[in-house]
PDB file of N, CA and C in Angstrom:
ATOM      1  N   MET A   1      -9.248  27.377   7.540  1.00  0.00           N
ATOM      2  CA  MET A   1      -9.022  26.789   6.614  1.00  0.00           C
ATOM      3  C   MET A   1     -10.327  25.579   6.009  1.00  0.00           C
ATOM      4  N   ARG A   2     -10.483  25.087   4.665  1.00  0.00           N
ATOM      5  CA  ARG A   2     -11.811  23.967   4.599  1.00  0.00           C
ATOM      6  C   ARG A   2     -11.054  22.903   3.378  1.00  0.00           C
ATOM      7  N   GLY A   3      -9.876  22.235   3.969  1.00  0.00           N
ATOM      8  CA  GLY A   3      -9.530  21.184   3.644  1.00  0.00           C
ATOM      9  C   GLY A   3      -8.769  21.893   2.641  1.00  0.00           C
ATOM     10  N   ARG A   4      -7.456  20.354   2.294  1.00  0.00           N
ATOM     11  CA  ARG A   4      -6.463  20.483   1.755  1.00  0.00           C
ATOM     12  C   ARG A   4      -6.563  20.054   0.597  1.00  0.00           C
ATOM     13  N   HIS A   5      -5.856  20.191  -0.589  1.00  0.00           N
ATOM     14  CA  HIS A   5      -6.771  19.317  -1.696  1.00  0.00           C
ATOM     15  C   HIS A   5      -5.554  18.317  -2.092  1.00  0.00           C
ATOM     16  N   LEU A   6      -6.130  17.139  -2.815  1.00  0.00           N
ATOM     17  CA  LEU A   6      -6.077  15.832  -3.051  1.00  0.00           C
ATOM     18  C   LEU A   6      -5.831  15.696  -4.214  1.00  0.00           C
ATOM     19  N   VAL A   7      -5.624  15.208  -4.753  1.00  0.00           N
ATOM     20  CA  VAL A   7      -5.445  15.079  -6.062  1.00  0.00           C
ATOM     21  C   VAL A   7      -4.748  13.740  -6.663  1.00  0.00           C
ATOM     22  N   ALA A   8      -5.320  12.908  -7.405  1.00  0.00           N
ATOM     23  CA  ALA A   8      -5.255  11.739  -7.609  1.00  0.00           C
ATOM     24  C   ALA A   8      -5.028  11.325  -8.982  1.00  0.00           C
ATOM     25  N   LEU A   9      -4.024  10.850  -9.739  1.00  0.00           N
ATOM     26  CA  LEU A   9      -3.415  11.014 -10.979  1.00  0.00           C
ATOM     27  C   LEU A   9      -2.358  10.369 -11.515  1.00  0.00           C
ATOM     28  N   ALA A  10      -1.550  10.931 -12.318  1.00  0.00           N
ATOM     29  CA  ALA A  10      -0.725  10.639 -12.732  1.00  0.00           C
ATOM     30  C   ALA A  10       0.527   9.338 -12.007  1.00  0.00           C
ATOM     31  N   GLY A  11       0.815   9.769 -11.078  1.00  0.00           N
ATOM     32  CA  GLY A  11       1.574   8.462 -10.046  1.00  0.00           C
ATOM     33  C   GLY A  11       0.169   7.381  -9.642  1.00  0.00           C
ATOM     34  N   ALA A  12      -0.891   6.937 -10.340  1.00  0.00           N
ATOM     35  CA  ALA A  12      -2.074   6.166  -9.794  1.00  0.00           C
ATOM     36  C   ALA A  12      -1.531   4.445  -9.922  1.00  0.00           C
ATOM     37  N   SER A  13      -1.876   3.468  -9.677  1.00  0.00           N
ATOM     38  CA  SER A  13      -1.556   2.194 -10.449  1.00  0.00           C
ATOM     39  C   SER A  13      -1.886   1.792 -11.237  1.00  0.00           C
ATOM     40  N   LEU A  14      -1.890   1.093 -11.922  1.00  0.00           N
ATOM     41  CA  LEU A  14      -2.375   0.761 -13.859  1.00  0.00           C
ATOM     42  C   LEU A  14      -2.146  -1.268 -13.260  1.00  0.00           C
ATOM     43  N   PHE A  15      -3.886  -1.429 -13.495  1.00  0.00           N
ATOM     44  CA  PHE A  15      -3.288  -3.414 -12.674  1.00  0.00           C
ATOM     45  C   PHE A  15      -4.672  -3.772 -13.917  1.00  0.00           C
ATOM     46  N   THR A  16      -4.679  -4.878 -14.655  1.00  0.00           N
ATOM     47  CA  THR A  16      -5.042  -5.427 -15.187  1.00  0.00           C
ATOM     48  C   THR A  16      -6.435  -6.139 -14.850  1.00  0.00           C
ATOM     49  N   ALA A  17      -7.935  -5.233 -15.694  1.00  0.00           N
ATOM     50  CA  ALA A  17      -8.936  -5.191 -14.791  1.00  0.00           C
ATOM     51  C   ALA A  17      -9.072  -6.975 -15.816  1.00  0.00           C
ATOM     52  N   VAL A  18      -9.525  -6.952 -17.099  1.00  0.00           N
ATOM     53  CA  VAL A  18     -10.535  -8.153 -16.971  1.00  0.00           C
ATOM     54  C   VAL A  18      -8.752  -8.658 -18.636  1.00  0.00           C
ATOM     55  N   VAL A  19      -8.465  -9.693 -18.508  1.00  0.00           N
ATOM     56  CA  VAL A  19      -7.625 -10.463 -18.821  1.00  0.00           C
ATOM     57  C   VAL A  19      -8.050 -11.267 -19.921  1.00  0.00           C
ATOM     58  N   GLY A  20      -9.292 -11.784 -20.095  1.00  0.00           N
ATOM     59  CA  GLY A  20     -10.126 -12.904 -20.679  1.00  0.00           C
ATOM     60  C   GLY A  20     -10.453 -14.307 -20.623  1.00  0.00           C
ATOM     61  N   ALA A  21     -10.490 -15.258 -20.789  1.00  0.00           N
ATOM     62  CA  ALA A  21     -10.367 -16.927 -19.985  1.00  0.00           C
ATOM     63  C   ALA A  21      -9.703 -17.324 -20.012  1.00  0.00           C
ATOM     64  N   ARG A  22      -8.327 -17.693 -20.895  1.00  0.00           N
ATOM     65  CA  ARG A  22      -6.869 -17.774 -20.930  1.00  0.00           C
ATOM     66  C   ARG A  22      -6.374 -16.654 -19.855  1.00  0.00           C
ATOM     67  N   ALA A  23      -4.759 -18.128 -18.800  1.00  0.00           N
ATOM     68  CA  ALA A  23      -3.635 -17.439 -18.415  1.00  0.00           C
ATOM     69  C   ALA A  23      -2.893 -16.470 -19.251  1.00  0.00           C
ATOM     70  N   ILE A  24      -2.572 -15.307 -18.494  1.00  0.00           N
ATOM     71  CA  ILE A  24      -1.889 -14.481 -19.206  1.00  0.00           C
ATOM     72  C   ILE A  24      -0.171 -14.146 -18.968  1.00  0.00           C
ATOM     73  N   ALA A  25       0.331 -14.961 -19.403  1.00  0.00           N
ATOM     74  CA  ALA A  25       2.444 -15.020 -18.703  1.00  0.00           C
ATOM     75  C   ALA A  25       2.241 -14.020 -18.374  1.00  0.00           C
ATOM     76  N   ALA A  26       3.339 -13.556 -17.440  1.00  0.00           N
ATOM     77  CA  ALA A  26       3.713 -12.154 -16.221  1.00  0.00           C
ATOM     78  C   ALA A  26       4.274 -11.484 -16.971  1.00  0.00           C
ATOM     79  N   ASN A  27       5.485 -11.941 -18.464  1.00  0.00           N
ATOM     80  CA  ASN A  27       6.083 -10.690 -19.111  1.00  0.00           C
ATOM     81  C   ASN A  27       4.845 -10.672 -20.339  1.00  0.00           C
ATOM     82  N   SER A  28       3.807 -10.401 -20.191  1.00  0.00           N
ATOM     83  CA  SER A  28       2.439 -10.431 -21.402  1.00  0.00           C
ATOM     84  C   SER A  28       2.225  -8.780 -20.765  1.00  0.00           C
ATOM     85  N   ASP A  29       2.394  -8.112 -19.553  1.00  0.00           N
ATOM     86  CA  ASP A  29       2.236  -7.288 -19.188  1.00  0.00           C
ATOM     87  C   ASP A  29       2.783  -6.047 -20.638  1.00  0.00           C
ATOM     88  N   PRO A  30       1.391  -5.037 -20.501  1.00  0.00           N
ATOM     89  CA  PRO A  30       1.531  -3.892 -21.526  1.00  0.00           C
ATOM     90  C   PRO A  30       3.226  -3.216 -21.009  1.00  0.00           C
ATOM     91  N   SER A  31       3.654  -2.263 -21.761  1.00  0.00           N
ATOM     92  CA  SER A  31       4.789  -1.357 -21.514  1.00  0.00           C
ATOM     93  C   SER A  31       4.172  -0.036 -21.245  1.00  0.00           C
ATOM     94  N   PRO A  32       4.568   0.452 -20.110  1.00  0.00           N
ATOM     95  CA  PRO A  32       4.440   2.029 -19.454  1.00  0.00           C
ATOM     96  C   PRO A  32       4.600   3.016 -20.056  1.00  0.00           C
ATOM     97  N   LEU A  33       3.906   4.275 -20.687  1.00  0.00           N
ATOM     98  CA  LEU A  33       4.553   5.223 -20.973  1.00  0.00           C
ATOM     99  C   LEU A  33       6.185   5.116 -20.414  1.00  0.00           C
ATOM    100  N   PRO A  34       7.405   5.574 -20.645  1.00  0.00           N
ATOM    101  CA  PRO A  34       8.121   5.539 -21.071  1.00  0.00           C
ATOM    102  C   PRO A  34       8.589   7.225 -19.463  1.00  0.00           C
ATOM    103  N   ALA A  35       8.944   7.495 -18.738  1.00  0.00           N
ATOM    104  CA  ALA A  35       9.781   7.942 -17.291  1.00  0.00           C
ATOM    105  C   ALA A  35       9.648   9.285 -17.779  1.00  0.00           C
ATOM    106  N   SER A  36      10.006  10.015 -19.475  1.00  0.00           N
ATOM    107  CA  SER A  36      10.478  11.026 -19.906  1.00  0.00           C
ATOM    108  C   SER A  36       9.306  11.375 -20.147  1.00  0.00           C
ATOM    109  N   SER A  37       7.838  10.308 -20.374  1.00  0.00           N
ATOM    110  CA  SER A  37       6.990  11.180 -21.376  1.00  0.00           C
ATOM    111  C   SER A  37       5.576  11.290 -20.396  1.00  0.00           C
ATOM    112  N   HIS A  38       4.506  12.183 -20.837  1.00  0.00           N
ATOM    113  CA  HIS A  38       3.499  12.775 -20.178  1.00  0.00           C
ATOM    114  C   HIS A  38       2.486  11.920 -20.416  1.00  0.00           C
ATOM    115  N   ILE A  39       1.483  12.115 -19.573  1.00  0.00           N
ATOM    116  CA  ILE A  39       0.246  11.087 -19.783  1.00  0.00           C
ATOM    117  C   ILE A  39      -0.684  12.045 -19.188  1.00  0.00           C
ATOM    118  N   PHE A  40      -1.321  12.200 -20.948  1.00  0.00           N
ATOM    119  CA  PHE A  40      -2.665  13.432 -20.999  1.00  0.00           C
ATOM    120  C   PHE A  40      -3.331  13.896 -20.245  1.00  0.00           C
ATOM    121  N   ALA A  41      -4.050  14.914 -20.554  1.00  0.00           N
ATOM    122  CA  ALA A  41      -5.424  14.416 -19.959  1.00  0.00           C
ATOM    123  C   ALA A  41      -6.667  15.549 -20.800  1.00  0.00           C
ATOM    124  N   PRO A  42      -6.729  14.593 -21.615  1.00  0.00           N
ATOM    125  CA  PRO A  42      -7.983  14.663 -22.678  1.00  0.00           C
ATOM    126  C   PRO A  42      -9.244  15.559 -21.871  1.00  0.00           C
ATOM    127  N   GLY A  43      -9.464  16.673 -22.831  1.00  0.00           N
ATOM    128  CA  GLY A  43     -10.562  17.607 -22.791  1.00  0.00           C
ATOM    129  C   GLY A  43     -10.376  19.216 -22.898  1.00  0.00           C
ATOM    130  N   PRO A  44     -12.561  19.310 -23.233  1.00  0.00           N
ATOM    131  CA  PRO A  44     -12.236  20.387 -23.144  1.00  0.00           C
ATOM    132  C   PRO A  44     -11.598  21.500 -22.372  1.00  0.00           C
ATOM    133  N   ARG A  45     -10.802  22.443 -23.289  1.00  0.00           N
ATOM    134  CA  ARG A  45      -9.493  23.203 -22.852  1.00  0.00           C
ATOM    135  C   ARG A  45     -10.306  24.561 -21.785  1.00  0.00           C
ATOM    136  N   SER A  46     -11.865  24.700 -21.889  1.00  0.00           N
ATOM    137  CA  SER A  46     -12.507  25.335 -21.320  1.00  0.00           C
ATOM    138  C   SER A  46     -12.369  24.967 -19.613  1.00  0.00           C
ATOM    139  N   GLN A  47     -12.637  23.934 -19.108  1.00  0.00           N
ATOM    140  CA  GLN A  47     -12.215  23.428 -18.072  1.00  0.00           C
ATOM    141  C   GLN A  47     -10.849  23.020 -17.604  1.00  0.00           C
ATOM    142  N   GLY A  48     -10.082  23.944 -18.101  1.00  0.00           N
ATOM    143  CA  GLY A  48      -8.871  23.372 -17.652  1.00  0.00           C
ATOM    144  C   GLY A  48      -7.737  21.858 -17.819  1.00  0.00           C
ATOM    145  N   LEU A  49      -8.418  20.908 -19.088  1.00  0.00           N
ATOM    146  CA  LEU A  49      -8.196  20.255 -20.195  1.00  0.00           C
ATOM    147  C   LEU A  49      -7.703  20.369 -21.071  1.00  0.00           C
ATOM    148  N   MET A  50      -5.965  19.410 -21.765  1.00  0.00           N
ATOM    149  CA  MET A  50      -5.564  19.696 -23.017  1.00  0.00           C
ATOM    150  C   MET A  50      -5.821  19.961 -24.349  1.00  0.00           C
ATOM    151  N   GLY A  51      -7.633  19.695 -23.923  1.00  0.00           N
ATOM    152  CA  GLY A  51      -7.811  19.834 -25.883  1.00  0.00           C
ATOM    153  C   GLY A  51      -8.922  18.078 -25.766  1.00  0.00           C
ATOM    154  N   LEU A  52      -9.352  18.441 -26.982  1.00  0.00           N
ATOM    155  CA  LEU A  52      -9.843  16.983 -27.367  1.00  0.00           C
ATOM    156  C   LEU A  52      -9.019  16.144 -28.047  1.00  0.00           C
ATOM    157  N   GLN A  53      -7.966  16.763 -28.540  1.00  0.00           N
ATOM    158  CA  GLN A  53      -7.058  15.884 -29.729  1.00  0.00           C
ATOM    159  C   GLN A  53      -5.888  15.522 -28.983  1.00  0.00           C
ATOM    160  N   ILE A  54      -6.181  14.873 -27.984  1.00  0.00           N
ATOM    161  CA  ILE A  54      -4.876  14.662 -27.335  1.00  0.00           C
ATOM    162  C   ILE A  54      -4.571  13.098 -26.583  1.00  0.00           C
ATOM    163  N   GLU A  55      -3.538  12.630 -27.004  1.00  0.00           N
ATOM    164  CA  GLU A  55      -3.704  10.889 -26.606  1.00  0.00           C
ATOM    165  C   GLU A  55      -4.314  10.528 -25.003  1.00  0.00           C
ATOM    166  N   PRO A  56      -5.607   9.553 -24.834  1.00  0.00           N
ATOM    167  CA  PRO A  56      -5.355   9.372 -23.458  1.00  0.00           C
ATOM    168  C   PRO A  56      -5.104   8.070 -23.419  1.00  0.00           C
ATOM    169  N   SER A  57      -4.294   6.658 -23.465  1.00  0.00           N
ATOM    170  CA  SER A  57      -3.783   6.143 -23.414  1.00  0.00           C
ATOM    171  C   SER A  57      -2.358   6.073 -22.949  1.00  0.00           C
ATOM    172  N   SER A  58      -1.988   5.598 -21.360  1.00  0.00           N
ATOM    173  CA  SER A  58      -1.381   5.418 -20.780  1.00  0.00           C
ATOM    174  C   SER A  58      -0.167   4.303 -20.416  1.00  0.00           C
ATOM    175  N   ILE A  59      -0.596   3.821 -21.540  1.00  0.00           N
ATOM    176  CA  ILE A  59       0.527   2.374 -22.017  1.00  0.00           C
ATOM    177  C   ILE A  59       0.815   1.720 -23.837  1.00  0.00           C
ATOM    178  N   THR A  60       1.440   2.162 -23.249  1.00  0.00           N
ATOM    179  CA  THR A  60       2.797   2.098 -25.477  1.00  0.00           C
ATOM    180  C   THR A  60       2.219   1.407 -26.186  1.00  0.00           C
ATOM    181  N   ASP A  61       2.466   1.198 -26.901  1.00  0.00           N
ATOM    182  CA  ASP A  61       1.880   0.928 -28.117  1.00  0.00           C
ATOM    183  C   ASP A  61       0.645   0.497 -28.698  1.00  0.00           C
ATOM    184  N   PHE A  62      -0.604   1.056 -27.687  1.00  0.00           N
ATOM    185  CA  PHE A  62      -1.773   0.415 -27.406  1.00  0.00           C
ATOM    186  C   PHE A  62      -3.236   1.541 -28.830  1.00  0.00           C
ATOM    187  N   GLN A  63      -3.603  -0.049 -29.333  1.00  0.00           N
ATOM    188  CA  GLN A  63      -4.195   0.603 -30.362  1.00  0.00           C
ATOM    189  C   GLN A  63      -6.283  -0.162 -29.570  1.00  0.00           C
ATOM    190  N   GLY A  64      -7.275   0.778 -29.288  1.00  0.00           N
ATOM    191  CA  GLY A  64      -7.840   0.386 -28.542  1.00  0.00           C
ATOM    192  C   GLY A  64      -9.322   1.692 -28.263  1.00  0.00           C
ATOM    193  N   THR A  65      -9.685   1.504 -27.517  1.00  0.00           N
ATOM    194  CA  THR A  65     -10.897   2.498 -27.100  1.00  0.00           C
ATOM    195  C   THR A  65     -11.252   2.509 -25.252  1.00  0.00           C
ATOM    196  N   VAL A  66      -9.920   4.307 -25.318  1.00  0.00           N
ATOM    197  CA  VAL A  66     -10.576   4.464 -24.270  1.00  0.00           C
ATOM    198  C   VAL A  66     -11.301   5.442 -23.632  1.00  0.00           C
ATOM    199  N   ALA A  67     -11.752   4.704 -22.283  1.00  0.00           N
ATOM    200  CA  ALA A  67     -13.167   5.754 -21.653  1.00  0.00           C
ATOM    201  C   ALA A  67     -12.129   6.987 -20.515  1.00  0.00           C
ATOM    202  N   LEU A  68     -12.763   7.672 -20.482  1.00  0.00           N
ATOM    203  CA  LEU A  68     -12.209   8.738 -19.693  1.00  0.00           C
ATOM    204  C   LEU A  68     -13.171   9.300 -18.401  1.00  0.00           C
ATOM    205  N   ALA A  69     -13.205   9.515 -17.232  1.00  0.00           N
ATOM    206  CA  ALA A  69     -13.915   9.818 -16.469  1.00  0.00           C
ATOM    207  C   ALA A  69     -13.108  10.869 -15.379  1.00  0.00           C
ATOM    208  N   TYR A  70     -13.702  12.341 -15.380  1.00  0.00           N
ATOM    209  CA  TYR A  70     -12.651  13.273 -14.206  1.00  0.00           C
ATOM    210  C   TYR A  70     -14.041  13.584 -13.422  1.00  0.00           C
ATOM    211  N   LEU A  71     -13.370  12.604 -12.154  1.00  0.00           N
ATOM    212  CA  LEU A  71     -14.252  13.708 -11.197  1.00  0.00           C
ATOM    213  C   LEU A  71     -13.687  14.128  -9.983  1.00  0.00           C
ATOM    214  N   SER A  72     -15.044  15.083  -9.653  1.00  0.00           N
ATOM    215  CA  SER A  72     -13.991  15.615  -8.101  1.00  0.00           C
ATOM    216  C   SER A  72     -15.516  15.626  -6.922  1.00  0.00           C
ATOM    217  N   GLY A  73     -14.912  16.265  -5.704  1.00  0.00           N
ATOM    218  CA  GLY A  73     -15.452  16.239  -4.638  1.00  0.00           C
ATOM    219  C   GLY A  73     -15.069  17.069  -3.411  1.00  0.00           C
ATOM    220  N   THR A  74     -15.694  16.368  -2.248  1.00  0.00           N
ATOM    221  CA  THR A  74     -15.223  16.241  -1.425  1.00  0.00           C
ATOM    222  C   THR A  74     -15.096  14.686  -0.351  1.00  0.00           C
ATOM    223  N   ALA A  75     -14.515  15.037   0.451  1.00  0.00           N
ATOM    224  CA  ALA A  75     -13.914  13.518   1.853  1.00  0.00           C
ATOM    225  C   ALA A  75     -14.370  13.613   2.837  1.00  0.00           C
ATOM    226  N   THR A  76     -14.452  13.704   4.038  1.00  0.00           N
ATOM    227  CA  THR A  76     -14.052  14.158   5.018  1.00  0.00           C
ATOM    228  C   THR A  76     -13.073  12.184   5.602  1.00  0.00           C
ATOM    229  N   ASP A  77     -11.715  12.593   6.513  1.00  0.00           N
ATOM    230  CA  ASP A  77     -11.400  11.436   6.604  1.00  0.00           C
ATOM    231  C   ASP A  77     -11.856  10.984   7.979  1.00  0.00           C
ATOM    232  N   GLY A  78     -11.815  10.360   9.084  1.00  0.00           N
ATOM    233  CA  GLY A  78     -12.554   9.625  10.014  1.00  0.00           C
ATOM    234  C   GLY A  78     -12.103  10.739  11.473  1.00  0.00           C
ATOM    235  N   GLY A  79     -10.748  11.447  10.796  1.00  0.00           N
ATOM    236  CA  GLY A  79     -11.062  13.294  12.322  1.00  0.00           C
ATOM    237  C   GLY A  79     -12.162  13.813  11.927  1.00  0.00           C
ATOM    238  N   GLY A  80     -12.720  14.098  11.031  1.00  0.00           N
ATOM    239  CA  GLY A  80     -13.839  14.462  10.189  1.00  0.00           C
ATOM    240  C   GLY A  80     -12.773  15.898   9.969  1.00  0.00           C
ATOM    241  N   GLN A  81     -11.346  15.866   9.249  1.00  0.00           N
ATOM    242  CA  GLN A  81     -11.037  16.805   8.075  1.00  0.00           C
ATOM    243  C   GLN A  81     -11.147  16.853   6.898  1.00  0.00           C
ATOM    244  N   HIS A  82     -11.205  17.573   6.434  1.00  0.00           N
ATOM    245  CA  HIS A  82     -11.741  17.679   4.791  1.00  0.00           C
ATOM    246  C   HIS A  82     -10.881  17.410   3.689  1.00  0.00           C
ATOM    247  N   TYR A  83     -11.027  17.287   3.261  1.00  0.00           N
ATOM    248  CA  TYR A  83     -10.040  17.403   1.626  1.00  0.00           C
ATOM    249  C   TYR A  83     -10.737  17.380   0.185  1.00  0.00           C
ATOM    250  N   ASP A  84     -10.354  18.051  -0.573  1.00  0.00           N
ATOM    251  CA  ASP A  84     -11.011  17.856  -1.661  1.00  0.00           C
ATOM    252  C   ASP A  84     -10.809  17.272  -2.902  1.00  0.00           C
ATOM    253  N   LEU A  85     -11.076  16.534  -3.808  1.00  0.00           N
ATOM    254  CA  LEU A  85     -10.907  15.432  -4.348  1.00  0.00           C
ATOM    255  C   LEU A  85     -11.381  15.453  -5.832  1.00  0.00           C
ATOM    256  N   GLU A  86      -9.468  15.152  -6.400  1.00  0.00           N
ATOM    257  CA  GLU A  86     -10.095  15.536  -8.056  1.00  0.00           C
ATOM    258  C   GLU A  86      -9.134  13.897  -7.602  1.00  0.00           C
ATOM    259  N   VAL A  87     -10.586  13.245  -9.175  1.00  0.00           N
ATOM    260  CA  VAL A  87      -9.855  11.825  -9.443  1.00  0.00           C
ATOM    261  C   VAL A  87      -9.662  11.584 -11.393  1.00  0.00           C
ATOM    262  N   ASP A  88      -8.667  11.041 -11.798  1.00  0.00           N
ATOM    263  CA  ASP A  88      -8.619  10.921 -13.076  1.00  0.00           C
ATOM    264  C   ASP A  88      -8.797   9.258 -13.425  1.00  0.00           C
ATOM    265  N   LEU A  89     -10.022   8.840 -14.232  1.00  0.00           N
ATOM    266  CA  LEU A  89      -9.759   7.367 -13.834  1.00  0.00           C
ATOM    267  C   LEU A  89     -10.486   7.158 -15.471  1.00  0.00           C
ATOM    268  N   ARG A  90      -9.558   6.432 -15.786  1.00  0.00           N
ATOM    269  CA  ARG A  90      -9.695   5.713 -17.371  1.00  0.00           C
ATOM    270  C   ARG A  90      -9.794   4.469 -17.187  1.00  0.00           C
ATOM    271  N   ILE A  91     -10.266   3.513 -18.624  1.00  0.00           N
ATOM    272  CA  ILE A  91     -10.433   2.103 -18.632  1.00  0.00           C
ATOM    273  C   ILE A  91      -9.928   1.823 -20.653  1.00  0.00           C
ATOM    274  N   MET A  92      -9.093   0.826 -20.490  1.00  0.00           N
ATOM    275  CA  MET A  92      -7.977   0.583 -21.602  1.00  0.00           C
ATOM    276  C   MET A  92      -8.414  -0.091 -22.032  1.00  0.00           C
ATOM    277  N   SER A  93      -9.532  -0.915 -23.077  1.00  0.00           N
ATOM    278  CA  SER A  93      -9.693  -2.093 -23.752  1.00  0.00           C
ATOM    279  C   SER A  93      -8.759  -2.512 -25.583  1.00  0.00           C
ATOM    280  N   GLY A  94      -8.325  -2.989 -25.810  1.00  0.00           N
ATOM    281  CA  GLY A  94      -7.392  -3.235 -27.262  1.00  0.00           C
ATOM    282  C   GLY A  94      -6.999  -4.051 -27.634  1.00  0.00           C
ATOM    283  N   ASP A  95      -5.906  -4.324 -28.620  1.00  0.00           N
ATOM    284  CA  ASP A  95      -4.707  -4.730 -28.847  1.00  0.00           C
ATOM    285  C   ASP A  95      -3.569  -4.006 -27.912  1.00  0.00           C
ATOM    286  N   TYR A  96      -2.475  -4.615 -27.488  1.00  0.00           N
ATOM    287  CA  TYR A  96      -1.244  -3.851 -27.433  1.00  0.00           C
ATOM    288  C   TYR A  96       0.118  -4.844 -27.453  1.00  0.00           C
ATOM    289  N   VAL A  97       1.566  -4.318 -27.332  1.00  0.00           N
ATOM    290  CA  VAL A  97       2.609  -4.646 -27.386  1.00  0.00           C
ATOM    291  C   VAL A  97       3.086  -5.290 -26.155  1.00  0.00           C
ATOM    292  N   ALA A  98       3.000  -6.246 -26.155  1.00  0.00           N
ATOM    293  CA  ALA A  98       3.689  -6.867 -24.424  1.00  0.00           C
ATOM    294  C   ALA A  98       4.508  -6.637 -24.370  1.00  0.00           C
ATOM    295  N   THR A  99       5.521  -6.384 -23.568  1.00  0.00           N
ATOM    296  CA  THR A  99       6.342  -6.181 -22.939  1.00  0.00           C
ATOM    297  C   THR A  99       7.965  -7.220 -23.776  1.00  0.00           C
ATOM    298  N   ASP A 100       7.285  -8.926 -23.798  1.00  0.00           N
ATOM    299  CA  ASP A 100       7.558  -9.932 -24.556  1.00  0.00           C
ATOM    300  C   ASP A 100       7.938  -9.119 -25.901  1.00  0.00           C
ATOM    301  N   GLY A 101       6.901  -8.286 -26.777  1.00  0.00           N
ATOM    302  CA  GLY A 101       6.807  -8.417 -27.910  1.00  0.00           C
ATOM    303  C   GLY A 101       5.112  -8.820 -28.725  1.00  0.00           C
ATOM    304  N   SER A 102       4.927  -9.672 -27.554  1.00  0.00           N
ATOM    305  CA  SER A 102       3.645 -10.306 -28.672  1.00  0.00           C
ATOM    306  C   SER A 102       2.329  -9.550 -28.641  1.00  0.00           C
ATOM    307  N   THR A 103       1.060  -9.279 -29.397  1.00  0.00           N
ATOM    308  CA  THR A 103       0.828  -8.954 -29.594  1.00  0.00           C
ATOM    309  C   THR A 103      -0.578  -9.627 -28.293  1.00  0.00           C
ATOM    310  N   ARG A 104      -1.186  -8.096 -28.446  1.00  0.00           N
ATOM    311  CA  ARG A 104      -1.952  -9.095 -26.896  1.00  0.00           C
ATOM    312  C   ARG A 104      -3.546  -7.879 -26.804  1.00  0.00           C
ATOM    313  N   THR A 105      -4.982  -9.118 -26.813  1.00  0.00           N
ATOM    314  CA  THR A 105      -5.823  -7.951 -26.760  1.00  0.00           C
ATOM    315  C   THR A 105      -6.110  -8.624 -24.674  1.00  0.00           C
ATOM    316  N   ALA A 106      -6.796  -6.816 -24.457  1.00  0.00           N
ATOM    317  CA  ALA A 106      -6.586  -7.216 -22.804  1.00  0.00           C
ATOM    318  C   ALA A 106      -7.969  -5.663 -22.922  1.00  0.00           C
ATOM    319  N   ALA A 107      -8.452  -5.263 -21.520  1.00  0.00           N
ATOM    320  CA  ALA A 107      -8.704  -4.824 -20.726  1.00  0.00           C
ATOM    321  C   ALA A 107      -8.262  -3.788 -19.776  1.00  0.00           C
ATOM    322  N   PHE A 108      -7.894  -2.820 -19.760  1.00  0.00           N
ATOM    323  CA  PHE A 108      -6.815  -2.287 -17.921  1.00  0.00           C
ATOM    324  C   PHE A 108      -7.745  -1.341 -17.235  1.00  0.00           C
ATOM    325  N   ALA A 109      -7.661  -0.813 -16.700  1.00  0.00           N
ATOM    326  CA  ALA A 109      -7.753   0.391 -16.079  1.00  0.00           C
ATOM    327  C   ALA A 109      -7.287   1.207 -14.799  1.00  0.00           C
ATOM    328  N   PHE A 110      -6.670   2.363 -15.235  1.00  0.00           N
ATOM    329  CA  PHE A 110      -5.872   3.059 -13.865  1.00  0.00           C
ATOM    330  C   PHE A 110      -6.534   4.053 -13.236  1.00  0.00           C
ATOM    331  N   ILE A 111      -5.865   4.495 -12.311  1.00  0.00           N
ATOM    332  CA  ILE A 111      -6.587   5.124 -11.205  1.00  0.00           C
ATOM    333  C   ILE A 111      -5.993   5.796 -10.717  1.00  0.00           C
TER     334      ILE A 111
END
C-alpha cells in the first residue's frame, strides 16, 4: 500500500494573519460559521469541487476578498511512511461583524 490519505480541511485552525497597527480587543474576533453550517469548496465541478458560485468565506458576516489554494502532493515522515496530502488554504481580507457586534476590518488565514 502506497501510504495513507491525509486531508487537512474544515477542522483546521482559523487565526488572525494581519490586524493592522492598532491593538484589537479579544471580543473583536470574527464569528465562525455555526457548527451546523458547511464550509464550502468552491472551484470547478470537473475537479470534484462545488462550482464557482459557492461562498468561499469561513466566517460569518464577512464582506471582502477571499483567495483560495488547493494543494495536493505527497509527504514522507521520519520513518519513511508515505502520505497523500490535500490541503485547502484560504486568505480573507475585508470587513466583518465581530463577536462584540462592532464592524472591523482585518485579514485572516484558514489553513
